[in-house]
Amino acid sequence: MDTELPVLSVSRLGSLVKDGLAVLFPEEFWVEGQITNLRTPRSGHTYLDLVEPSDEPGRPPVAAFSVVLWKQTKVGIDRTLAEAGDLALGDDLQVRIRASIDFYPPHGRLQLKMTGVDPGFTLGLMAAQRERLLLALATEGILGRNASLALSEPALRIGLVTSIGSAAHADFCTELERSGIAFDLIERDTRVQGDGAAIDIAEGLRIVATYGPDVIALVRGGGSAVDLSVFDAEVVARTIAGLAVPVLTGIGHEIDRSIADEVAHTSYKTPTACAAALVGAARVFADRISALRTAIADHAHRAIDMADRQRTDLAGRTIRAANAVLRHHTDLLAAGQSRLLHTASALPQRHRERLDALGARLRALDPAMVLARGWSITRLSDGTLVRSPRDVSDGDTLVTALADGTVTSVASASGRMTP
């Protein structure tokens, strides 16, 4: 044993460390880091770890300090954060705190006693991170991709990503139910704040999209800027931008817009406003259908009335045309009848005249008339007409017809007839 080295009790060593730290850090100082493992037990005091994250994802922090915030001090710090920008202490929040270093000998624990906070530091970091992400999304050309998608008319099959059972969920569903419109709701329960919520939201959006909704509603009620910071997460923004379904946001903060709002198709201030917009769009579509139905009915009535007028007019013109045709044909019939009567009365006379002429011609050709003029007709005894001396042989009996009788004679070779 080296007798020159001092021998200290544990309590003495603790006292020396405590006194030495008081000499090294006689005053309070500012320290920057990220809050993790925030907890508030029954005592009302708040305990947390302030860490410096590694630049490499998945690696342990570069450094860490335990921090205690007494409940009397926490009241003022909470007020300062709320008044500055609706902030609140929470895991993953980047902060700059005012603290003093302290060593607690009974537990051998080195810790920081938090006495103040700089909200401007936190807000500035949050704003800078948002601006960097928005710039990156715009540079990649995906910031307005979801907004360019066409909304279905009407959007009745709705995917809902939210914390089921929350006030936001109740407000959204109540607005849809009160409308009386037959919406088809596809719900996905997801965390909307705290560690891992961003990944849970992104997964919920992707899963709901696989069910083929007309639109997806991402809603959450009000909360502090820290609570709502999950909607500024890059994984949420990129998921929305990559979906082939329009995303509507109804995130309950009235002043600031989250990156999810910027990337979404359309953003609304509250879950109720988001649901009301869907109801309004469905009613506008229904009104257009109703107006179209009325217009079609009016057009049909006008067409029927016009057709009735045209039918009546056509019937009148048809009747007038038919009457004119009938009158014309009546006149033609009367004229034909007159001609027929005239022809019928003149035809017998013409036929009588023709008969008389034919009778005269027949009478002129009557053999008796010829004989009366001094002509005679000679025939053989068999009645054969004698036209030439060559028709007669010697000894033939000849019968000669005269106007008032006949003479019978016998032909001789000398050419004389013997009576």
Protein backbone atom coordinates (compact mmCIF):
# COMPACT_ATOMS: atom_id res chain seq x y z
CA MET A 1 0.00 0.00 0.00
CA ASP A 2 1.21 3.41 -1.01
CA THR A 3 1.01 5.35 2.25
CA GLU A 4 1.53 8.67 0.47
CA LEU A 5 -1.88 8.52 -1.24
CA PRO A 6 -4.77 9.98 0.73
CA VAL A 7 -7.42 7.65 2.08
CA LEU A 8 -10.96 9.01 1.65
CA SER A 9 -14.30 7.80 2.78
CA VAL A 10 -17.06 7.61 0.22
CA SER A 11 -18.85 10.52 1.76
CA ARG A 12 -15.67 12.58 1.86
CA LEU A 13 -14.98 11.81 -1.79
CA GLY A 14 -18.53 12.79 -2.64
CA SER A 15 -18.16 16.08 -0.81
CA LEU A 16 -14.87 16.85 -2.56
CA VAL A 17 -16.41 16.14 -6.01
CA LYS A 18 -19.40 18.31 -5.17
CA ASP A 19 -17.19 21.15 -3.96
CA GLY A 20 -14.88 20.82 -6.95
CA LEU A 21 -17.74 21.04 -9.42
CA ALA A 22 -18.99 24.12 -7.61
CA VAL A 23 -15.59 25.72 -8.16
CA LEU A 24 -15.40 24.68 -11.82
CA PHE A 25 -18.99 25.73 -12.58
CA PRO A 26 -19.79 28.52 -10.13
CA GLU A 27 -22.60 29.83 -12.34
CA GLU A 28 -25.36 28.39 -14.44
CA PHE A 29 -24.70 27.71 -18.14
CA TRP A 30 -26.54 26.80 -21.32
CA VAL A 31 -26.31 23.33 -22.77
CA GLU A 32 -27.84 22.04 -26.01
CA GLY A 33 -29.06 18.54 -26.68
CA GLN A 34 -31.99 16.25 -27.45
CA ILE A 35 -34.47 15.11 -24.83
CA THR A 36 -34.97 11.37 -24.33
CA ASN A 37 -36.54 9.20 -21.67
CA LEU A 38 -38.71 12.02 -20.31
CA ARG A 39 -40.67 10.94 -17.21
CA THR A 40 -42.64 12.55 -14.40
CA PRO A 41 -43.29 10.30 -11.37
CA ARG A 42 -45.79 10.96 -8.58
CA SER A 43 -43.47 13.44 -6.92
CA GLY A 44 -44.18 15.92 -9.72
CA HIS A 45 -40.51 16.37 -10.48
CA THR A 46 -39.44 15.70 -14.07
CA TYR A 47 -36.48 13.58 -15.05
CA LEU A 48 -34.95 13.25 -18.49
CA ASP A 49 -31.78 12.47 -20.35
CA LEU A 50 -30.14 15.15 -22.47
CA VAL A 51 -28.11 13.49 -25.22
CA GLU A 52 -25.99 14.45 -28.16
CA PRO A 53 -27.14 12.05 -30.93
CA SER A 54 -24.64 10.35 -33.15
CA ASP A 55 -24.40 11.49 -36.75
CA GLU A 56 -24.74 7.86 -37.78
CA PRO A 57 -28.29 6.47 -37.46
CA GLY A 58 -28.56 3.55 -35.05
CA ARG A 59 -25.41 4.39 -33.13
CA PRO A 60 -25.57 5.26 -29.40
CA PRO A 61 -25.38 8.92 -28.37
CA VAL A 62 -22.03 10.64 -28.31
CA ALA A 63 -22.69 11.90 -24.76
CA ALA A 64 -25.52 12.01 -22.25
CA PHE A 65 -26.41 13.72 -18.99
CA SER A 66 -29.21 13.07 -16.55
CA VAL A 67 -31.34 16.13 -15.91
CA VAL A 68 -33.73 16.90 -13.08
CA LEU A 69 -36.41 19.57 -13.27
CA TRP A 70 -38.06 20.36 -9.94
CA LYS A 71 -41.81 20.73 -10.17
CA GLN A 72 -41.76 24.32 -8.87
CA THR A 73 -39.40 25.31 -11.70
CA LYS A 74 -41.27 23.28 -14.30
CA VAL A 75 -44.37 25.48 -13.96
CA GLY A 76 -42.50 28.52 -15.24
CA ILE A 77 -40.68 26.58 -17.97
CA ASP A 78 -43.95 25.09 -19.25
CA ARG A 79 -45.47 28.57 -19.39
CA THR A 80 -42.46 29.97 -21.25
CA LEU A 81 -42.60 27.20 -23.86
CA ALA A 82 -46.35 27.49 -24.34
CA GLU A 83 -46.30 31.27 -24.75
CA ALA A 84 -43.38 31.15 -27.17
CA GLY A 85 -44.89 28.77 -29.69
CA ASP A 86 -47.19 26.20 -28.15
CA LEU A 87 -44.15 24.09 -27.22
CA ALA A 88 -43.88 21.48 -24.52
CA LEU A 89 -41.13 19.25 -23.25
CA GLY A 90 -41.11 15.90 -24.97
CA ASP A 91 -38.90 13.13 -26.24
CA ASP A 92 -36.83 13.88 -29.36
CA LEU A 93 -37.20 17.64 -28.82
CA GLN A 94 -34.04 19.63 -29.49
CA VAL A 95 -33.58 22.13 -26.65
CA ARG A 96 -31.15 24.62 -25.14
CA ILE A 97 -31.56 24.54 -21.37
CA ARG A 98 -30.16 26.68 -18.58
CA ALA A 99 -28.74 24.46 -15.86
CA SER A 100 -26.25 24.00 -13.09
CA ILE A 101 -24.19 20.89 -12.55
CA ASP A 102 -24.69 18.95 -9.38
CA PHE A 103 -23.33 15.86 -7.78
CA TYR A 104 -25.59 13.97 -5.41
CA PRO A 105 -23.31 11.99 -3.02
CA PRO A 106 -25.97 9.65 -1.56
CA HIS A 107 -26.50 8.16 -5.01
CA GLY A 108 -23.16 9.00 -6.51
CA ARG A 109 -25.05 10.61 -9.39
CA LEU A 110 -23.84 13.49 -11.53
CA GLN A 111 -26.74 15.43 -12.97
CA LEU A 112 -27.87 18.76 -14.35
CA LYS A 113 -30.46 20.81 -12.53
CA MET A 114 -32.59 22.52 -15.17
CA THR A 115 -33.65 26.07 -14.34
CA GLY A 116 -34.64 27.55 -17.71
CA VAL A 117 -35.09 27.00 -21.44
CA ASP A 118 -34.56 28.94 -24.66
CA PRO A 119 -37.70 28.35 -26.78
CA GLY A 120 -36.29 30.37 -29.67
CA PHE A 121 -33.56 27.79 -30.13
CA THR A 122 -36.07 24.97 -30.42
CA LEU A 123 -38.39 26.88 -32.73
CA GLY A 124 -35.49 27.92 -34.90
CA LEU A 125 -34.25 24.37 -35.25
CA MET A 126 -37.75 23.10 -36.03
CA ALA A 127 -38.28 25.80 -38.64
CA ALA A 128 -34.89 25.18 -40.20
CA GLN A 129 -35.52 21.45 -40.38
CA ARG A 130 -38.91 22.05 -41.98
CA GLU A 131 -37.44 24.42 -44.53
CA ARG A 132 -34.67 21.99 -45.42
CA LEU A 133 -37.14 19.16 -45.93
CA LEU A 134 -39.56 21.32 -47.96
CA LEU A 135 -36.69 22.48 -50.16
CA ALA A 136 -35.53 18.90 -50.68
CA LEU A 137 -39.05 17.75 -51.61
CA ALA A 138 -39.49 20.68 -54.00
CA THR A 139 -36.10 20.04 -55.60
CA GLU A 140 -37.05 16.40 -56.18
CA GLY A 141 -40.33 17.50 -57.75
CA ILE A 142 -42.57 15.61 -55.33
CA LEU A 143 -43.83 18.42 -53.11
CA GLY A 144 -46.98 18.92 -55.21
CA ARG A 145 -47.32 15.38 -56.54
CA ASN A 146 -50.27 14.38 -54.35
CA ALA A 147 -52.00 17.70 -54.99
CA SER A 148 -51.93 16.96 -58.73
CA LEU A 149 -54.09 13.84 -58.31
CA ALA A 150 -57.73 14.10 -59.35
CA LEU A 151 -60.36 13.76 -56.63
CA SER A 152 -63.15 11.26 -57.30
CA GLU A 153 -66.62 12.74 -57.67
CA PRO A 154 -68.09 11.91 -55.31
CA ALA A 155 -65.48 10.59 -52.87
CA LEU A 156 -67.54 8.12 -50.83
CA ARG A 157 -64.99 5.41 -50.01
CA ILE A 158 -62.79 7.12 -47.41
CA GLY A 159 -59.65 5.80 -45.76
CA LEU A 160 -59.13 7.24 -42.26
CA VAL A 161 -55.73 7.22 -40.54
CA THR A 162 -55.91 8.42 -36.95
CA SER A 163 -55.97 7.32 -33.35
CA ILE A 164 -59.25 5.42 -33.10
CA GLY A 165 -61.20 6.44 -30.00
CA SER A 166 -59.65 9.90 -29.89
CA ALA A 167 -61.65 13.13 -30.03
CA ALA A 168 -60.40 13.68 -33.57
CA HIS A 169 -61.74 10.27 -34.61
CA ALA A 170 -65.11 10.98 -32.96
CA ASP A 171 -65.41 14.45 -34.52
CA PHE A 172 -64.59 13.18 -38.01
CA CYS A 173 -66.96 10.20 -37.88
CA THR A 174 -69.79 12.21 -36.31
CA GLU A 175 -69.63 14.78 -39.12
CA LEU A 176 -69.92 12.03 -41.73
CA GLU A 177 -72.75 10.25 -39.91
CA ARG A 178 -74.82 13.42 -39.48
CA SER A 179 -74.75 14.03 -43.23
CA GLY A 180 -76.90 10.99 -43.95
CA ILE A 181 -74.67 10.19 -46.93
CA ALA A 182 -73.63 6.55 -47.39
CA PHE A 183 -69.89 6.93 -46.86
CA ASP A 184 -67.78 3.76 -46.74
CA LEU A 185 -65.10 4.21 -44.07
CA ILE A 186 -61.81 2.25 -43.96
CA GLU A 187 -60.13 2.93 -40.61
CA ARG A 188 -56.53 2.41 -39.51
CA ASP A 189 -55.64 2.91 -35.85
CA THR A 190 -52.26 4.58 -35.46
CA ARG A 191 -50.25 6.55 -32.95
CA VAL A 192 -50.18 10.27 -33.75
CA GLN A 193 -47.54 11.42 -31.29
CA GLY A 194 -44.54 10.13 -29.43
CA ASP A 195 -41.65 7.85 -30.27
CA GLY A 196 -42.24 5.80 -33.43
CA ALA A 197 -45.47 7.63 -34.35
CA ALA A 198 -44.11 8.92 -37.67
CA ILE A 199 -43.27 5.42 -38.87
CA ASP A 200 -46.66 4.18 -37.64
CA ILE A 201 -48.47 6.94 -39.55
CA ALA A 202 -46.53 6.21 -42.75
CA GLU A 203 -47.32 2.51 -42.47
CA GLY A 204 -51.00 3.25 -41.83
CA LEU A 205 -51.21 5.44 -44.95
CA ARG A 206 -49.65 2.75 -47.11
CA ILE A 207 -51.89 -0.01 -45.74
CA VAL A 208 -55.12 1.99 -46.17
CA ALA A 209 -54.11 2.86 -49.74
CA THR A 210 -54.06 -0.85 -50.65
CA TYR A 211 -57.83 -1.02 -50.05
CA GLY A 212 -58.49 1.34 -52.95
CA PRO A 213 -60.21 4.29 -51.24
CA ASP A 214 -61.30 7.36 -53.18
CA VAL A 215 -59.43 9.54 -50.69
CA ILE A 216 -57.42 9.17 -47.47
CA ALA A 217 -57.99 11.46 -44.47
CA LEU A 218 -55.09 11.91 -42.03
CA VAL A 219 -56.48 13.63 -38.91
CA ARG A 220 -55.42 14.52 -35.40
CA GLY A 221 -56.78 16.84 -32.74
CA GLY A 222 -55.00 19.80 -31.22
CA GLY A 223 -51.76 19.60 -29.27
CA SER A 224 -48.47 21.29 -28.65
CA ALA A 225 -45.94 21.94 -31.39
CA VAL A 226 -43.93 19.01 -30.04
CA ASP A 227 -46.96 16.73 -30.15
CA LEU A 228 -47.67 17.76 -33.74
CA SER A 229 -44.04 17.65 -34.85
CA VAL A 230 -44.56 14.05 -35.95
CA PHE A 231 -46.40 15.45 -38.99
CA ASP A 232 -43.19 17.23 -39.99
CA ALA A 233 -41.36 13.91 -40.23
CA GLU A 234 -39.70 13.14 -43.53
CA VAL A 235 -41.06 9.58 -43.64
CA VAL A 236 -44.62 10.89 -43.40
CA ALA A 237 -44.04 13.53 -46.09
CA ARG A 238 -42.45 11.10 -48.54
CA THR A 239 -45.16 8.50 -47.96
CA ILE A 240 -47.91 11.01 -48.76
CA ALA A 241 -46.04 12.21 -51.85
CA GLY A 242 -45.63 8.64 -53.09
CA LEU A 243 -49.27 7.56 -52.76
CA ALA A 244 -51.54 7.28 -55.81
CA VAL A 245 -54.53 8.29 -53.65
CA PRO A 246 -55.33 11.92 -52.73
CA VAL A 247 -54.59 12.62 -49.05
CA LEU A 248 -56.57 15.19 -47.06
CA THR A 249 -55.20 16.39 -43.73
CA GLY A 250 -57.20 17.66 -40.78
CA ILE A 251 -54.53 18.31 -38.17
CA GLY A 252 -55.79 20.39 -35.28
CA HIS A 253 -53.42 23.30 -35.20
CA GLU A 254 -54.80 26.61 -36.35
CA ILE A 255 -51.64 28.66 -37.00
CA ASP A 256 -48.76 26.62 -38.37
CA ARG A 257 -48.89 24.25 -41.26
CA SER A 258 -47.11 20.94 -40.95
CA ILE A 259 -45.09 19.43 -43.77
CA ALA A 260 -47.85 16.82 -44.06
CA ASP A 261 -50.22 19.71 -44.85
CA GLU A 262 -47.83 21.04 -47.47
CA VAL A 263 -47.42 17.68 -49.22
CA ALA A 264 -51.07 16.59 -48.99
CA HIS A 265 -53.65 17.15 -51.71
CA THR A 266 -55.67 19.53 -49.50
CA SER A 267 -55.29 20.54 -45.85
CA TYR A 268 -57.96 21.59 -43.37
CA LYS A 269 -57.60 23.16 -39.93
CA THR A 270 -59.42 20.46 -37.97
CA PRO A 271 -60.72 16.90 -38.37
CA THR A 272 -64.27 18.26 -38.38
CA ALA A 273 -63.42 20.69 -41.19
CA CYS A 274 -61.88 17.85 -43.19
CA ALA A 275 -65.00 15.70 -42.82
CA ALA A 276 -67.24 18.68 -43.59
CA ALA A 277 -65.35 19.24 -46.86
CA LEU A 278 -66.00 15.64 -47.90
CA VAL A 279 -69.67 15.99 -47.00
CA GLY A 280 -69.91 19.28 -48.89
CA ALA A 281 -68.32 17.82 -52.01
CA ALA A 282 -70.72 14.85 -51.93
CA ARG A 283 -73.71 17.18 -51.56
CA VAL A 284 -72.52 19.36 -54.44
CA PHE A 285 -72.32 16.25 -56.59
CA ALA A 286 -75.78 15.16 -55.45
CA ASP A 287 -77.14 18.64 -56.23
CA ARG A 288 -75.62 18.47 -59.71
CA ILE A 289 -77.23 15.08 -60.28
CA SER A 290 -80.55 16.44 -59.02
CA ALA A 291 -80.25 19.50 -61.26
CA LEU A 292 -79.35 17.27 -64.19
CA ARG A 293 -82.34 15.05 -63.45
CA THR A 294 -84.60 18.11 -63.38
CA ALA A 295 -83.08 19.44 -66.59
CA ILE A 296 -83.58 16.08 -68.31
CA ALA A 297 -87.19 15.97 -67.13
CA ASP A 298 -87.80 19.54 -68.33
CA HIS A 299 -86.18 18.78 -71.65
CA ALA A 300 -88.27 15.63 -72.00
CA HIS A 301 -91.47 17.56 -71.24
CA ARG A 302 -90.54 20.22 -73.77
CA ALA A 303 -89.72 17.57 -76.35
CA ILE A 304 -93.04 15.82 -75.69
CA ASP A 305 -94.94 19.12 -75.97
CA MET A 306 -93.15 19.96 -79.20
CA ALA A 307 -93.84 16.47 -80.53
CA ASP A 308 -97.54 16.90 -79.63
CA ARG A 309 -97.66 20.23 -81.44
CA GLN A 310 -95.89 18.77 -84.45
CA ARG A 311 -98.24 15.78 -84.41
CA THR A 312 -101.28 18.05 -84.24
CA ASP A 313 -99.92 20.24 -87.01
CA LEU A 314 -99.03 17.21 -89.13
CA ALA A 315 -102.48 15.72 -88.54
CA GLY A 316 -104.10 18.99 -89.64
CA ARG A 317 -101.91 19.22 -92.72
CA THR A 318 -102.58 15.56 -93.50
CA ILE A 319 -106.34 16.06 -93.23
CA ARG A 320 -106.17 19.17 -95.42
CA ALA A 321 -104.00 17.41 -97.96
CA ALA A 322 -106.29 14.36 -97.93
CA ASN A 323 -109.36 16.56 -98.44
CA ALA A 324 -107.66 18.34 -101.32
CA VAL A 325 -106.71 15.01 -102.90
CA LEU A 326 -110.23 13.71 -102.40
CA ARG A 327 -111.72 16.86 -103.99
CA HIS A 328 -109.30 16.58 -106.89
CA HIS A 329 -110.13 12.93 -107.45
CA THR A 330 -113.85 13.71 -107.07
CA ASP A 331 -113.51 16.31 -109.79
CA LEU A 332 -111.55 13.85 -111.93
CA LEU A 333 -114.21 11.21 -111.31
CA ALA A 334 -117.00 13.61 -112.23
CA ALA A 335 -115.18 14.61 -115.40
CA GLY A 336 -114.56 10.97 -116.24
CA GLN A 337 -118.17 10.16 -115.57
CA SER A 338 -119.28 12.98 -117.83
CA ARG A 339 -116.94 11.82 -120.56
CA LEU A 340 -118.15 8.27 -120.05
CA LEU A 341 -121.77 9.31 -120.31
CA HIS A 342 -121.03 11.32 -123.41
CA THR A 343 -119.05 8.49 -124.88
CA ALA A 344 -121.73 5.98 -123.94
CA SER A 345 -124.44 7.98 -125.72
CA ALA A 346 -122.35 8.66 -128.84
CA LEU A 347 -120.94 5.17 -129.17
CA PRO A 348 -124.20 3.41 -130.25
CA GLN A 349 -124.77 6.07 -132.89
CA ARG A 350 -121.26 5.60 -134.22
CA HIS A 351 -121.76 1.83 -134.23
CA ARG A 352 -125.12 2.21 -135.98
CA GLU A 353 -123.53 4.35 -138.64
CA ARG A 354 -120.76 1.82 -139.06
CA LEU A 355 -123.32 -1.00 -139.25
CA ASP A 356 -125.28 0.92 -141.85
CA ALA A 357 -122.14 1.47 -143.89
CA LEU A 358 -121.21 -2.20 -143.58
CA GLY A 359 -124.79 -3.16 -144.52
CA ALA A 360 -124.59 -0.96 -147.59
CA ARG A 361 -121.28 -2.50 -148.54
CA LEU A 362 -122.72 -5.98 -147.98
CA ARG A 363 -125.75 -5.17 -150.03
CA ALA A 364 -123.56 -3.86 -152.80
CA LEU A 365 -121.73 -7.16 -152.81
CA ASP A 366 -124.98 -9.24 -152.76
CA PRO A 367 -125.01 -11.54 -155.86
CA ALA A 368 -128.69 -10.82 -156.34
CA MET A 369 -127.89 -7.17 -156.81
CA VAL A 370 -125.20 -8.09 -159.31
CA LEU A 371 -127.61 -10.34 -161.19
CA ALA A 372 -130.21 -7.59 -161.18
CA ARG A 373 -127.83 -5.45 -163.14
CA GLY A 374 -127.77 -8.07 -165.95
CA TRP A 375 -125.03 -10.31 -164.77
CA SER A 376 -125.34 -14.13 -164.54
CA ILE A 377 -123.52 -16.93 -162.75
CA THR A 378 -122.85 -20.33 -164.35
CA ARG A 379 -122.00 -23.47 -162.45
CA LEU A 380 -121.55 -27.09 -163.31
CA SER A 381 -124.17 -29.51 -162.12
CA ASP A 382 -122.02 -30.18 -159.08
CA GLY A 383 -122.07 -26.49 -158.21
CA THR A 384 -118.55 -25.73 -159.41
CA LEU A 385 -118.36 -22.13 -160.61
CA VAL A 386 -117.49 -21.76 -164.27
CA ARG A 387 -115.04 -18.94 -164.77
CA SER A 388 -113.59 -19.90 -168.15
CA PRO A 389 -114.53 -22.04 -171.20
CA ARG A 390 -111.69 -24.29 -170.20
CA ASP A 391 -113.64 -25.21 -167.09
CA VAL A 392 -116.35 -26.85 -169.27
CA SER A 393 -116.22 -30.17 -171.12
CA ASP A 394 -118.41 -31.34 -173.96
CA GLY A 395 -121.72 -32.59 -172.67
CA ASP A 396 -121.39 -30.95 -169.21
CA THR A 397 -124.65 -29.75 -167.76
CA LEU A 398 -124.50 -26.06 -166.98
CA VAL A 399 -126.80 -24.19 -164.61
CA THR A 400 -126.94 -20.42 -165.19
CA ALA A 401 -128.42 -18.23 -162.50
CA LEU A 402 -130.22 -15.08 -163.63
CA ALA A 403 -131.91 -12.34 -161.64
CA ASP A 404 -135.33 -13.94 -161.86
CA GLY A 405 -134.48 -17.65 -162.35
CA THR A 406 -132.08 -20.25 -163.75
CA VAL A 407 -131.42 -21.73 -167.22
CA THR A 408 -130.06 -25.28 -167.63
CA SER A 409 -128.04 -26.10 -170.71
CA VAL A 410 -125.61 -28.67 -172.10
CA ALA A 411 -122.18 -27.72 -173.37
CA SER A 412 -121.27 -28.72 -176.96
CA ALA A 413 -117.98 -28.94 -178.79
CA SER A 414 -118.87 -26.06 -181.03
CA GLY A 415 -118.92 -23.84 -178.00
CA ARG A 416 -122.65 -23.38 -177.97
CA MET A 417 -124.80 -24.28 -175.21
CA THR A 418 -127.90 -26.30 -175.94
CA PRO A 419 -130.78 -25.24 -173.74
